[in-house]
C-alpha cells in the first residue's frame, strides 16, 4: 500500500508589500549605520515599529531577508545603469555612477556578508557580471573614438574603472586623496576622447 506524502508550507507575507519593503529598508539602514554585526530581526522590528515575529512572517530566515535586500538594491542600480546607457554620453554617465555610488558602506557590508551566505554570494556575482557586461557594451561602442585604440580591451577597461572608483571611494572615506586627482584627470581625458561633447541646444525663437 502506498501512502501519499503530504507537505505543508508556511504562509509567507507578500513580497513587494508595504511591510516587506519597510523591513528591507530598515535592514539596509542598519547595515549602513551600524554594520552587519547589528543586523537582527529584533533590531529590524524596532526600526520599523512592528513585532519581531512579523519579520519572520515575511522572511523565513535572516539570510533570506539579506538576500532580498541586496536583490532589491541591485535591481534599482541596474535600472539606473540602463538609464545611463540610453543617455547621450553613456560612458560619462556610467563613470559618474561608479565614482558616486549610492552608498559605499553598503557595498562593503554586502561583500563581507557574501563570504558567509551562499545565496548572497551568487546574487553578488550575478550583479557584478550583469553590470560589467553593460559597461563593456557601452565601451565597445565608444572605444573607436579613443586614441591608441586596441591597446586595452573593453572588458579590461571596465574592470580597471570599477576598481579605481571603488578604491578612491573607500580611501576618500578615510581621508586619503593621494593620486586621486591624477587618476580622475586620466579618466576625464579618456572620456573626452571616447565621447563627443554634449550637443548645444539651439535657443527657441520667441
N, C-alpha and C. Protein backbone atom coordinates (compact mmCIF):
# COMPACT_ATOMS: atom_id res chain seq x y z
N UNK A 1 0.85 -1.18 0.00
CA UNK A 1 0.00 0.00 0.00
C UNK A 1 0.89 1.23 0.00
N UNK A 2 0.54 2.16 -0.84
CA UNK A 2 1.32 3.38 -0.95
C UNK A 2 0.63 4.48 -0.17
N UNK A 3 1.40 5.17 0.65
CA UNK A 3 0.87 6.29 1.42
C UNK A 3 1.27 7.59 0.75
N UNK A 4 0.29 8.40 0.47
CA UNK A 4 0.57 9.68 -0.19
C UNK A 4 1.27 10.61 0.80
N UNK A 5 2.35 11.19 0.36
CA UNK A 5 3.09 12.11 1.21
C UNK A 5 2.40 13.46 1.22
N UNK A 6 2.34 14.05 2.38
CA UNK A 6 1.73 15.37 2.49
C UNK A 6 2.79 16.38 2.85
N UNK A 7 2.71 17.53 2.27
CA UNK A 7 3.67 18.58 2.55
C UNK A 7 2.93 19.81 3.04
N UNK A 8 3.54 20.48 3.94
CA UNK A 8 2.95 21.71 4.45
C UNK A 8 3.90 22.85 4.21
N UNK A 9 3.38 23.98 3.89
CA UNK A 9 4.20 25.15 3.67
C UNK A 9 3.66 26.30 4.49
N UNK A 10 4.55 26.99 5.14
CA UNK A 10 4.14 28.10 5.98
C UNK A 10 3.76 29.28 5.11
N UNK A 11 2.67 29.91 5.46
CA UNK A 11 2.23 31.07 4.71
C UNK A 11 3.20 32.23 4.93
N UNK A 12 3.55 32.90 3.84
CA UNK A 12 4.51 34.00 3.92
C UNK A 12 3.84 35.30 3.52
N UNK A 13 4.33 36.40 4.06
CA UNK A 13 3.85 37.71 3.66
C UNK A 13 4.24 38.01 2.23
N UNK A 14 3.45 38.77 1.50
CA UNK A 14 3.72 39.03 0.08
C UNK A 14 4.92 39.93 -0.15
N UNK A 15 5.78 39.51 -1.07
CA UNK A 15 6.91 40.35 -1.47
C UNK A 15 6.38 41.58 -2.19
N UNK A 16 7.00 42.71 -1.93
CA UNK A 16 6.58 43.94 -2.58
C UNK A 16 5.55 44.74 -1.81
N UNK A 17 5.03 44.17 -0.72
CA UNK A 17 4.05 44.88 0.08
C UNK A 17 4.74 45.99 0.88
N UNK A 18 3.93 46.84 1.51
CA UNK A 18 4.48 47.95 2.29
C UNK A 18 5.35 47.45 3.44
N UNK A 19 4.90 46.42 4.16
CA UNK A 19 5.68 45.88 5.27
C UNK A 19 6.98 45.25 4.78
N UNK A 20 6.89 44.51 3.71
CA UNK A 20 8.06 43.84 3.13
C UNK A 20 9.12 44.88 2.77
N UNK A 21 8.69 45.93 2.09
CA UNK A 21 9.62 46.98 1.68
C UNK A 21 10.19 47.72 2.89
N UNK A 22 9.34 48.01 3.87
CA UNK A 22 9.80 48.72 5.07
C UNK A 22 10.86 47.91 5.81
N UNK A 23 10.71 46.60 5.85
CA UNK A 23 11.68 45.76 6.54
C UNK A 23 13.01 45.72 5.80
N UNK A 24 12.95 45.68 4.47
CA UNK A 24 14.19 45.73 3.70
C UNK A 24 14.88 47.08 3.91
N UNK A 25 14.12 48.15 3.89
CA UNK A 25 14.70 49.47 4.11
C UNK A 25 15.30 49.57 5.52
N UNK A 26 14.60 49.00 6.49
CA UNK A 26 15.12 49.00 7.85
C UNK A 26 16.42 48.23 7.95
N UNK A 27 16.49 47.06 7.31
CA UNK A 27 17.71 46.27 7.33
C UNK A 27 18.86 47.02 6.67
N UNK A 28 18.56 47.68 5.55
CA UNK A 28 19.59 48.44 4.83
C UNK A 28 20.10 49.60 5.69
N UNK A 29 19.20 50.26 6.39
CA UNK A 29 19.61 51.36 7.27
C UNK A 29 20.53 50.87 8.38
N UNK A 30 20.21 49.70 8.94
CA UNK A 30 21.05 49.14 10.00
C UNK A 30 22.43 48.77 9.47
N UNK A 31 22.46 48.15 8.29
CA UNK A 31 23.75 47.80 7.68
C UNK A 31 24.59 49.05 7.45
N UNK A 32 23.95 50.10 6.97
CA UNK A 32 24.66 51.34 6.67
C UNK A 32 25.15 52.04 7.94
N UNK A 33 24.30 52.09 8.95
CA UNK A 33 24.61 52.87 10.15
C UNK A 33 25.44 52.12 11.18
N UNK A 34 25.21 50.77 11.27
CA UNK A 34 25.82 50.02 12.37
C UNK A 34 26.63 48.81 11.93
N UNK A 35 26.48 48.38 10.69
CA UNK A 35 27.20 47.21 10.22
C UNK A 35 26.41 45.93 10.41
N UNK A 36 26.85 44.87 9.72
CA UNK A 36 26.08 43.63 9.73
C UNK A 36 26.06 42.95 11.09
N UNK A 37 27.01 43.28 11.98
CA UNK A 37 27.01 42.70 13.32
C UNK A 37 25.78 43.09 14.13
N UNK A 38 25.16 44.22 13.76
CA UNK A 38 23.98 44.70 14.49
C UNK A 38 22.68 44.28 13.83
N UNK A 39 22.76 43.58 12.71
CA UNK A 39 21.55 43.24 11.96
C UNK A 39 20.88 42.00 12.54
N UNK A 40 19.79 42.19 13.26
CA UNK A 40 19.00 41.10 13.81
C UNK A 40 17.53 41.38 13.54
N UNK A 41 16.71 40.35 13.67
CA UNK A 41 15.26 40.53 13.46
C UNK A 41 14.69 41.48 14.50
N UNK A 42 15.22 41.45 15.71
CA UNK A 42 14.74 42.35 16.75
C UNK A 42 15.04 43.81 16.40
N UNK A 43 16.26 44.06 15.91
CA UNK A 43 16.62 45.43 15.55
C UNK A 43 15.79 45.94 14.37
N UNK A 44 15.53 45.05 13.42
CA UNK A 44 14.70 45.44 12.27
C UNK A 44 13.29 45.77 12.74
N UNK A 45 12.74 44.93 13.60
CA UNK A 45 11.38 45.17 14.12
C UNK A 45 11.31 46.50 14.86
N UNK A 46 12.33 46.78 15.66
CA UNK A 46 12.37 48.05 16.39
C UNK A 46 12.45 49.22 15.43
N UNK A 47 13.25 49.06 14.39
CA UNK A 47 13.45 50.14 13.43
C UNK A 47 12.16 50.44 12.66
N UNK A 48 11.44 49.38 12.31
CA UNK A 48 10.22 49.54 11.51
C UNK A 48 9.01 49.86 12.38
N UNK A 49 9.05 49.39 13.65
CA UNK A 49 7.93 49.60 14.55
C UNK A 49 6.89 48.50 14.47
N UNK A 50 7.37 47.23 14.36
CA UNK A 50 6.47 46.08 14.31
C UNK A 50 6.94 45.03 15.31
N UNK A 51 6.13 44.00 15.49
CA UNK A 51 6.51 42.88 16.35
C UNK A 51 7.61 42.07 15.66
N UNK A 52 8.51 41.50 16.46
CA UNK A 52 9.62 40.73 15.90
C UNK A 52 9.13 39.55 15.07
N UNK A 53 8.04 38.90 15.52
CA UNK A 53 7.56 37.73 14.78
C UNK A 53 7.07 38.08 13.39
N UNK A 54 6.69 39.35 13.18
CA UNK A 54 6.21 39.75 11.85
C UNK A 54 7.35 39.71 10.83
N UNK A 55 8.57 39.92 11.28
CA UNK A 55 9.71 39.84 10.38
C UNK A 55 9.78 38.45 9.75
N UNK A 56 9.54 37.43 10.59
CA UNK A 56 9.62 36.05 10.09
C UNK A 56 8.36 35.62 9.35
N UNK A 57 7.33 36.43 9.38
CA UNK A 57 6.17 36.18 8.55
C UNK A 57 6.50 36.52 7.09
N UNK A 58 7.37 37.53 6.91
CA UNK A 58 7.75 37.94 5.56
C UNK A 58 9.04 37.28 5.07
N UNK A 59 9.89 36.90 6.00
CA UNK A 59 11.18 36.31 5.63
C UNK A 59 11.43 35.11 6.54
N UNK A 60 11.55 33.90 5.98
CA UNK A 60 11.71 32.70 6.81
C UNK A 60 13.00 32.71 7.61
N UNK A 61 14.05 33.36 7.09
CA UNK A 61 15.33 33.43 7.79
C UNK A 61 15.94 34.81 7.58
N UNK A 62 16.89 35.17 8.40
CA UNK A 62 17.60 36.43 8.22
C UNK A 62 18.43 36.41 6.94
N UNK A 63 18.96 35.24 6.59
CA UNK A 63 19.71 35.14 5.34
C UNK A 63 18.83 35.51 4.15
N UNK A 64 17.60 35.03 4.17
CA UNK A 64 16.66 35.34 3.08
C UNK A 64 16.40 36.85 3.02
N UNK A 65 16.24 37.46 4.17
CA UNK A 65 16.00 38.90 4.21
C UNK A 65 17.18 39.66 3.61
N UNK A 66 18.39 39.25 3.97
CA UNK A 66 19.60 39.91 3.47
C UNK A 66 19.71 39.75 1.96
N UNK A 67 19.44 38.55 1.47
CA UNK A 67 19.49 38.31 0.02
C UNK A 67 18.46 39.16 -0.70
N UNK A 68 17.25 39.21 -0.17
CA UNK A 68 16.19 40.02 -0.80
C UNK A 68 16.54 41.50 -0.77
N UNK A 69 17.18 41.95 0.30
CA UNK A 69 17.59 43.36 0.39
C UNK A 69 18.61 43.68 -0.69
N UNK A 70 19.56 42.77 -0.90
CA UNK A 70 20.56 43.01 -1.95
C UNK A 70 19.92 43.00 -3.32
N UNK A 71 19.04 42.04 -3.58
CA UNK A 71 18.38 41.96 -4.88
C UNK A 71 17.57 43.22 -5.16
N UNK A 72 16.93 43.74 -4.12
CA UNK A 72 16.13 44.96 -4.25
C UNK A 72 17.02 46.15 -4.63
N UNK A 73 18.16 46.28 -3.96
CA UNK A 73 19.09 47.35 -4.28
C UNK A 73 19.72 47.15 -5.66
N UNK A 74 20.06 45.90 -5.98
CA UNK A 74 20.69 45.61 -7.27
C UNK A 74 19.76 45.96 -8.42
N UNK A 75 18.48 45.64 -8.28
CA UNK A 75 17.51 45.97 -9.33
C UNK A 75 17.44 47.48 -9.55
N UNK A 76 17.52 48.23 -8.47
CA UNK A 76 17.50 49.69 -8.58
C UNK A 76 18.74 50.21 -9.29
N UNK A 77 19.90 49.63 -8.96
CA UNK A 77 21.15 50.08 -9.58
C UNK A 77 21.21 49.72 -11.06
N UNK A 78 20.70 48.55 -11.41
CA UNK A 78 20.67 48.15 -12.82
C UNK A 78 19.74 49.05 -13.61
N UNK A 79 18.64 49.46 -13.00
CA UNK A 79 17.73 50.40 -13.66
C UNK A 79 18.43 51.74 -13.92
N UNK A 80 19.21 52.22 -12.95
CA UNK A 80 19.96 53.46 -13.13
C UNK A 80 21.01 53.30 -14.22
N UNK A 81 21.65 52.13 -14.28
CA UNK A 81 22.66 51.89 -15.30
C UNK A 81 22.04 51.83 -16.68
N UNK A 82 20.87 51.22 -16.77
CA UNK A 82 20.15 51.19 -18.05
C UNK A 82 19.82 52.60 -18.52
N UNK A 83 19.46 53.45 -17.57
CA UNK A 83 19.19 54.84 -17.91
C UNK A 83 20.43 55.53 -18.44
N UNK A 84 21.58 55.23 -17.82
CA UNK A 84 22.84 55.81 -18.28
C UNK A 84 23.17 55.36 -19.70
N UNK A 85 22.90 54.09 -20.00
CA UNK A 85 23.20 53.57 -21.33
C UNK A 85 22.37 54.24 -22.42
N UNK A 86 21.21 54.75 -22.05
CA UNK A 86 20.34 55.39 -23.02
C UNK A 86 20.63 56.88 -23.18
N UNK A 87 21.58 57.39 -22.39
CA UNK A 87 21.88 58.81 -22.44
C UNK A 87 22.75 59.15 -23.64
N UNK A 88 22.95 60.44 -23.86
CA UNK A 88 23.77 60.90 -24.99
C UNK A 88 25.23 60.56 -24.80
N UNK A 89 25.69 60.53 -23.55
CA UNK A 89 27.09 60.23 -23.24
C UNK A 89 27.14 59.12 -22.19
N UNK A 90 26.89 57.88 -22.63
CA UNK A 90 26.76 56.76 -21.67
C UNK A 90 28.00 56.49 -20.83
N UNK A 91 29.20 56.61 -21.42
CA UNK A 91 30.41 56.32 -20.65
C UNK A 91 30.56 57.28 -19.47
N UNK A 92 30.31 58.56 -19.71
CA UNK A 92 30.42 59.53 -18.63
C UNK A 92 29.37 59.28 -17.56
N UNK A 93 28.16 58.94 -17.99
CA UNK A 93 27.09 58.66 -17.03
C UNK A 93 27.42 57.43 -16.19
N UNK A 94 27.97 56.40 -16.83
CA UNK A 94 28.34 55.18 -16.11
C UNK A 94 29.47 55.47 -15.12
N UNK A 95 30.46 56.26 -15.56
CA UNK A 95 31.56 56.60 -14.67
C UNK A 95 31.06 57.38 -13.46
N UNK A 96 30.14 58.31 -13.68
CA UNK A 96 29.57 59.08 -12.58
C UNK A 96 28.87 58.17 -11.58
N UNK A 97 28.20 57.13 -12.07
CA UNK A 97 27.55 56.18 -11.17
C UNK A 97 28.58 55.39 -10.38
N UNK A 98 29.70 55.07 -11.02
CA UNK A 98 30.76 54.30 -10.34
C UNK A 98 31.46 55.13 -9.27
N UNK A 99 31.78 56.37 -9.62
CA UNK A 99 32.57 57.20 -8.71
C UNK A 99 31.71 57.84 -7.63
N UNK A 100 30.40 57.88 -7.85
CA UNK A 100 29.48 58.41 -6.85
C UNK A 100 28.42 57.35 -6.53
N UNK A 101 28.83 56.24 -5.92
CA UNK A 101 27.86 55.18 -5.61
C UNK A 101 26.84 55.67 -4.59
N UNK A 102 25.67 55.03 -4.61
CA UNK A 102 24.62 55.44 -3.67
C UNK A 102 25.07 55.25 -2.23
N UNK A 103 25.89 54.24 -1.97
CA UNK A 103 26.36 54.03 -0.60
C UNK A 103 27.52 53.05 -0.59
N UNK A 104 28.74 53.58 -0.46
CA UNK A 104 29.93 52.73 -0.45
C UNK A 104 29.95 51.81 0.77
N UNK A 105 29.42 52.29 1.90
CA UNK A 105 29.41 51.46 3.12
C UNK A 105 28.58 50.21 2.91
N UNK A 106 27.44 50.35 2.24
CA UNK A 106 26.59 49.19 1.98
C UNK A 106 27.30 48.16 1.11
N UNK A 107 28.04 48.66 0.12
CA UNK A 107 28.77 47.74 -0.76
C UNK A 107 29.72 46.88 0.07
N UNK A 108 30.45 47.52 0.97
CA UNK A 108 31.40 46.79 1.81
C UNK A 108 30.70 45.78 2.71
N UNK A 109 29.55 46.17 3.27
CA UNK A 109 28.81 45.28 4.17
C UNK A 109 28.29 44.05 3.43
N UNK A 110 27.72 44.27 2.25
CA UNK A 110 27.19 43.14 1.49
C UNK A 110 28.31 42.23 0.99
N UNK A 111 29.44 42.80 0.62
CA UNK A 111 30.57 41.98 0.19
C UNK A 111 31.06 41.10 1.33
N UNK A 112 31.09 41.66 2.55
CA UNK A 112 31.51 40.87 3.71
C UNK A 112 30.51 39.76 3.99
N UNK A 113 29.23 40.08 3.91
CA UNK A 113 28.19 39.06 4.16
C UNK A 113 28.21 37.96 3.10
N UNK A 114 28.60 38.32 1.88
CA UNK A 114 28.62 37.33 0.79
C UNK A 114 29.62 36.21 1.06
N UNK A 115 30.59 36.47 1.92
CA UNK A 115 31.54 35.42 2.28
C UNK A 115 30.94 34.37 3.20
N UNK A 116 29.77 34.67 3.76
CA UNK A 116 29.14 33.75 4.72
C UNK A 116 27.78 33.22 4.25
N UNK A 117 27.17 33.89 3.28
CA UNK A 117 25.84 33.49 2.82
C UNK A 117 25.93 33.08 1.35
N UNK A 118 25.76 31.80 1.09
CA UNK A 118 25.94 31.26 -0.26
C UNK A 118 25.01 31.90 -1.28
N UNK A 119 23.74 32.04 -0.95
CA UNK A 119 22.79 32.63 -1.90
C UNK A 119 23.14 34.09 -2.19
N UNK A 120 23.61 34.80 -1.19
CA UNK A 120 24.00 36.19 -1.41
C UNK A 120 25.22 36.26 -2.32
N UNK A 121 26.17 35.36 -2.12
CA UNK A 121 27.35 35.33 -2.97
C UNK A 121 26.95 35.15 -4.43
N UNK A 122 25.99 34.26 -4.67
CA UNK A 122 25.52 34.02 -6.04
C UNK A 122 24.87 35.28 -6.62
N UNK A 123 24.11 35.99 -5.80
CA UNK A 123 23.46 37.21 -6.27
C UNK A 123 24.48 38.31 -6.55
N UNK A 124 25.50 38.42 -5.71
CA UNK A 124 26.54 39.42 -5.91
C UNK A 124 27.29 39.14 -7.21
N UNK A 125 27.61 37.88 -7.45
CA UNK A 125 28.31 37.50 -8.68
C UNK A 125 27.46 37.84 -9.90
N UNK A 126 26.17 37.51 -9.85
CA UNK A 126 25.27 37.81 -10.95
C UNK A 126 25.20 39.31 -11.22
N UNK A 127 25.13 40.09 -10.14
CA UNK A 127 25.05 41.55 -10.28
C UNK A 127 26.33 42.10 -10.91
N UNK A 128 27.48 41.66 -10.42
CA UNK A 128 28.75 42.15 -10.95
C UNK A 128 28.87 41.80 -12.44
N UNK A 129 28.54 40.57 -12.79
CA UNK A 129 28.67 40.13 -14.18
C UNK A 129 27.68 40.86 -15.08
N UNK A 130 26.47 41.09 -14.58
CA UNK A 130 25.45 41.79 -15.38
C UNK A 130 25.87 43.23 -15.64
N UNK A 131 26.29 43.93 -14.59
CA UNK A 131 26.68 45.33 -14.77
C UNK A 131 27.95 45.46 -15.59
N UNK A 132 28.86 44.51 -15.46
CA UNK A 132 30.09 44.59 -16.25
C UNK A 132 29.81 44.39 -17.73
N UNK A 133 28.89 43.50 -18.06
CA UNK A 133 28.51 43.31 -19.46
C UNK A 133 27.92 44.60 -20.04
N UNK A 134 27.14 45.29 -19.22
CA UNK A 134 26.55 46.56 -19.67
C UNK A 134 27.64 47.60 -19.89
N UNK A 135 28.63 47.64 -19.00
CA UNK A 135 29.75 48.57 -19.15
C UNK A 135 30.56 48.24 -20.40
N UNK A 136 30.81 46.96 -20.62
CA UNK A 136 31.59 46.53 -21.78
C UNK A 136 30.87 46.89 -23.08
N UNK A 137 29.55 46.73 -23.09
CA UNK A 137 28.77 47.07 -24.28
C UNK A 137 28.91 48.54 -24.62
N UNK A 138 28.84 49.40 -23.59
CA UNK A 138 28.99 50.84 -23.81
C UNK A 138 30.40 51.18 -24.28
N UNK A 139 31.40 50.55 -23.68
CA UNK A 139 32.79 50.81 -24.07
C UNK A 139 33.08 50.35 -25.49
N UNK A 140 32.53 49.20 -25.87
CA UNK A 140 32.77 48.66 -27.20
C UNK A 140 32.28 49.62 -28.27
N UNK A 141 31.14 50.28 -28.01
CA UNK A 141 30.59 51.22 -28.98
C UNK A 141 31.42 52.50 -29.06
N UNK A 142 31.99 52.90 -27.93
CA UNK A 142 32.68 54.20 -27.89
C UNK A 142 34.18 54.12 -28.08
N UNK A 143 34.77 52.94 -27.92
CA UNK A 143 36.23 52.83 -27.87
C UNK A 143 36.90 53.23 -29.17
N UNK A 144 36.19 53.16 -30.28
CA UNK A 144 36.76 53.51 -31.57
C UNK A 144 37.16 54.97 -31.67
N UNK A 145 36.56 55.81 -30.81
CA UNK A 145 36.89 57.23 -30.84
C UNK A 145 38.15 57.56 -30.03
N UNK A 146 38.61 56.59 -29.21
CA UNK A 146 39.75 56.85 -28.34
C UNK A 146 41.08 56.74 -29.09
N UNK A 147 42.04 57.58 -28.74
CA UNK A 147 43.37 57.47 -29.32
C UNK A 147 44.04 56.21 -28.78
N UNK A 148 44.87 55.59 -29.61
CA UNK A 148 45.57 54.40 -29.16
C UNK A 148 44.63 53.23 -28.99
N UNK A 149 43.60 53.18 -29.82
CA UNK A 149 42.60 52.12 -29.72
C UNK A 149 43.26 50.76 -29.88
N UNK A 150 42.73 49.79 -29.20
CA UNK A 150 43.22 48.43 -29.31
C UNK A 150 44.27 48.06 -28.28
N UNK A 151 44.78 49.04 -27.52
CA UNK A 151 45.78 48.70 -26.51
C UNK A 151 45.17 47.93 -25.35
N UNK A 152 43.96 48.29 -24.99
CA UNK A 152 43.28 47.60 -23.90
C UNK A 152 41.88 47.21 -24.35
N UNK A 153 41.47 45.97 -24.10
CA UNK A 153 40.12 45.56 -24.47
C UNK A 153 39.09 46.20 -23.55
N UNK A 154 37.86 46.37 -24.03
CA UNK A 154 36.80 46.99 -23.21
C UNK A 154 36.60 46.32 -21.86
N UNK A 155 36.71 44.99 -21.80
CA UNK A 155 36.50 44.28 -20.53
C UNK A 155 37.54 44.70 -19.49
N UNK A 156 38.79 44.89 -19.94
CA UNK A 156 39.85 45.30 -19.03
C UNK A 156 39.62 46.73 -18.55
N UNK A 157 39.21 47.61 -19.46
CA UNK A 157 38.94 49.00 -19.09
C UNK A 157 37.81 49.07 -18.07
N UNK A 158 36.75 48.27 -18.30
CA UNK A 158 35.61 48.26 -17.37
C UNK A 158 36.05 47.83 -15.98
N UNK A 159 36.89 46.80 -15.92
CA UNK A 159 37.38 46.31 -14.63
C UNK A 159 38.26 47.35 -13.94
N UNK A 160 39.16 47.95 -14.70
CA UNK A 160 40.05 48.97 -14.13
C UNK A 160 39.24 50.15 -13.59
N UNK A 161 38.28 50.62 -14.37
CA UNK A 161 37.49 51.78 -13.97
C UNK A 161 36.70 51.50 -12.70
N UNK A 162 36.07 50.32 -12.65
CA UNK A 162 35.28 49.95 -11.47
C UNK A 162 36.17 49.84 -10.24
N UNK A 163 37.34 49.23 -10.41
CA UNK A 163 38.26 49.06 -9.29
C UNK A 163 38.79 50.40 -8.80
N UNK A 164 39.12 51.29 -9.75
CA UNK A 164 39.63 52.61 -9.37
C UNK A 164 38.56 53.39 -8.62
N UNK A 165 37.32 53.35 -9.13
CA UNK A 165 36.23 54.08 -8.47
C UNK A 165 36.01 53.58 -7.05
N UNK A 166 36.01 52.26 -6.87
CA UNK A 166 35.79 51.68 -5.55
C UNK A 166 36.93 52.03 -4.60
N UNK A 167 38.16 51.93 -5.10
CA UNK A 167 39.32 52.23 -4.26
C UNK A 167 39.32 53.70 -3.83
N UNK A 168 39.03 54.60 -4.75
CA UNK A 168 39.03 56.03 -4.41
C UNK A 168 37.91 56.38 -3.45
N UNK A 169 36.76 55.73 -3.62
CA UNK A 169 35.63 55.99 -2.71
C UNK A 169 35.98 55.56 -1.29
N UNK A 170 36.56 54.37 -1.16
CA UNK A 170 36.93 53.87 0.17
C UNK A 170 38.03 54.72 0.79
N UNK A 171 39.01 55.12 -0.01
CA UNK A 171 40.10 55.92 0.52
C UNK A 171 39.61 57.31 0.92
N UNK A 172 38.71 57.88 0.14
CA UNK A 172 38.19 59.21 0.46
C UNK A 172 37.48 59.20 1.80
N UNK A 173 36.80 58.09 2.11
CA UNK A 173 36.12 57.99 3.41
C UNK A 173 37.12 58.01 4.56
N UNK A 174 38.34 57.53 4.29
CA UNK A 174 39.38 57.52 5.31
C UNK A 174 40.16 58.83 5.35
N UNK A 175 39.96 59.66 4.33
CA UNK A 175 40.70 60.92 4.26
C UNK A 175 41.93 60.85 3.38
N UNK A 176 42.06 59.79 2.57
CA UNK A 176 43.21 59.63 1.68
C UNK A 176 42.83 60.15 0.30
N UNK A 177 43.70 61.00 -0.28
CA UNK A 177 43.42 61.54 -1.61
C UNK A 177 44.63 61.48 -2.54
N UNK A 178 45.76 60.94 -2.06
CA UNK A 178 46.97 60.89 -2.86
C UNK A 178 46.74 60.11 -4.17
N UNK A 179 47.03 60.74 -5.28
CA UNK A 179 46.90 60.10 -6.59
C UNK A 179 45.51 60.19 -7.19
N UNK A 180 44.52 60.61 -6.42
CA UNK A 180 43.15 60.66 -6.92
C UNK A 180 42.99 61.66 -8.06
N UNK A 181 43.61 62.83 -7.90
CA UNK A 181 43.46 63.86 -8.92
C UNK A 181 44.04 63.41 -10.25
N UNK A 182 45.20 62.75 -10.20
CA UNK A 182 45.82 62.27 -11.44
C UNK A 182 44.96 61.19 -12.09
N UNK A 183 44.40 60.30 -11.27
CA UNK A 183 43.55 59.24 -11.81
C UNK A 183 42.30 59.82 -12.47
N UNK A 184 41.69 60.79 -11.80
CA UNK A 184 40.49 61.42 -12.35
C UNK A 184 40.81 62.18 -13.63
N UNK A 185 41.97 62.81 -13.68
CA UNK A 185 42.38 63.54 -14.87
C UNK A 185 42.56 62.60 -16.06
N UNK A 186 43.18 61.44 -15.80
CA UNK A 186 43.40 60.47 -16.88
C UNK A 186 42.08 59.92 -17.40
N UNK A 187 41.16 59.64 -16.49
CA UNK A 187 39.86 59.12 -16.90
C UNK A 187 39.06 60.18 -17.64
N UNK A 188 39.17 61.43 -17.19
CA UNK A 188 38.48 62.53 -17.86
C UNK A 188 38.97 62.67 -19.31
N UNK A 189 40.28 62.53 -19.51
CA UNK A 189 40.84 62.61 -20.85
C UNK A 189 40.34 61.47 -21.72
N UNK A 190 40.29 60.28 -21.14
CA UNK A 190 39.78 59.11 -21.88
C UNK A 190 38.33 59.33 -22.30
N UNK A 191 37.52 59.85 -21.39
CA UNK A 191 36.11 60.10 -21.71
C UNK A 191 35.97 61.12 -22.82
N UNK A 192 36.81 62.16 -22.81
CA UNK A 192 36.75 63.18 -23.86
C UNK A 192 37.10 62.59 -25.22
N UNK A 193 38.05 61.65 -25.22
CA UNK A 193 38.47 61.03 -26.48
C UNK A 193 37.41 60.06 -27.01
N UNK A 194 36.67 59.43 -26.09
CA UNK A 194 35.69 58.42 -26.50
C UNK A 194 34.34 59.02 -26.90
N UNK A 195 33.95 60.08 -26.20
CA UNK A 195 32.61 60.64 -26.42
C UNK A 195 32.69 62.11 -26.79
N UNK A 196 31.89 62.51 -27.76
CA UNK A 196 31.89 63.92 -28.16
C UNK A 196 31.27 64.78 -27.07
N UNK A 197 31.55 66.08 -27.10
CA UNK A 197 30.91 66.97 -26.11
C UNK A 197 29.41 67.01 -26.33
N UNK A 198 28.66 67.37 -25.30
CA UNK A 198 27.20 67.41 -25.45
C UNK A 198 26.79 68.42 -26.51
N UNK A 199 25.70 68.10 -27.21
CA UNK A 199 25.21 68.98 -28.26
C UNK A 199 24.65 70.27 -27.66
N UNK A 200 24.96 71.35 -28.35
CA UNK A 200 24.42 72.64 -27.93
C UNK A 200 23.00 72.77 -28.47
N UNK A 201 22.07 73.00 -27.56
CA UNK A 201 20.69 73.16 -28.00
C UNK A 201 20.44 74.56 -28.53
N UNK A 202 19.82 74.63 -29.67
CA UNK A 202 19.52 75.92 -30.27
C UNK A 202 18.42 76.61 -29.48
N UNK A 203 18.63 77.89 -29.20
CA UNK A 203 17.60 78.61 -28.44
C UNK A 203 16.32 78.74 -29.25
N UNK A 204 15.22 78.63 -28.58
CA UNK A 204 13.93 78.76 -29.25
C UNK A 204 13.68 80.22 -29.61
N UNK A 205 13.13 80.38 -30.79
CA UNK A 205 12.79 81.72 -31.24
C UNK A 205 11.55 82.21 -30.53
N UNK A 206 11.58 83.43 -30.07
CA UNK A 206 10.41 83.99 -29.37
C UNK A 206 9.27 84.22 -30.34
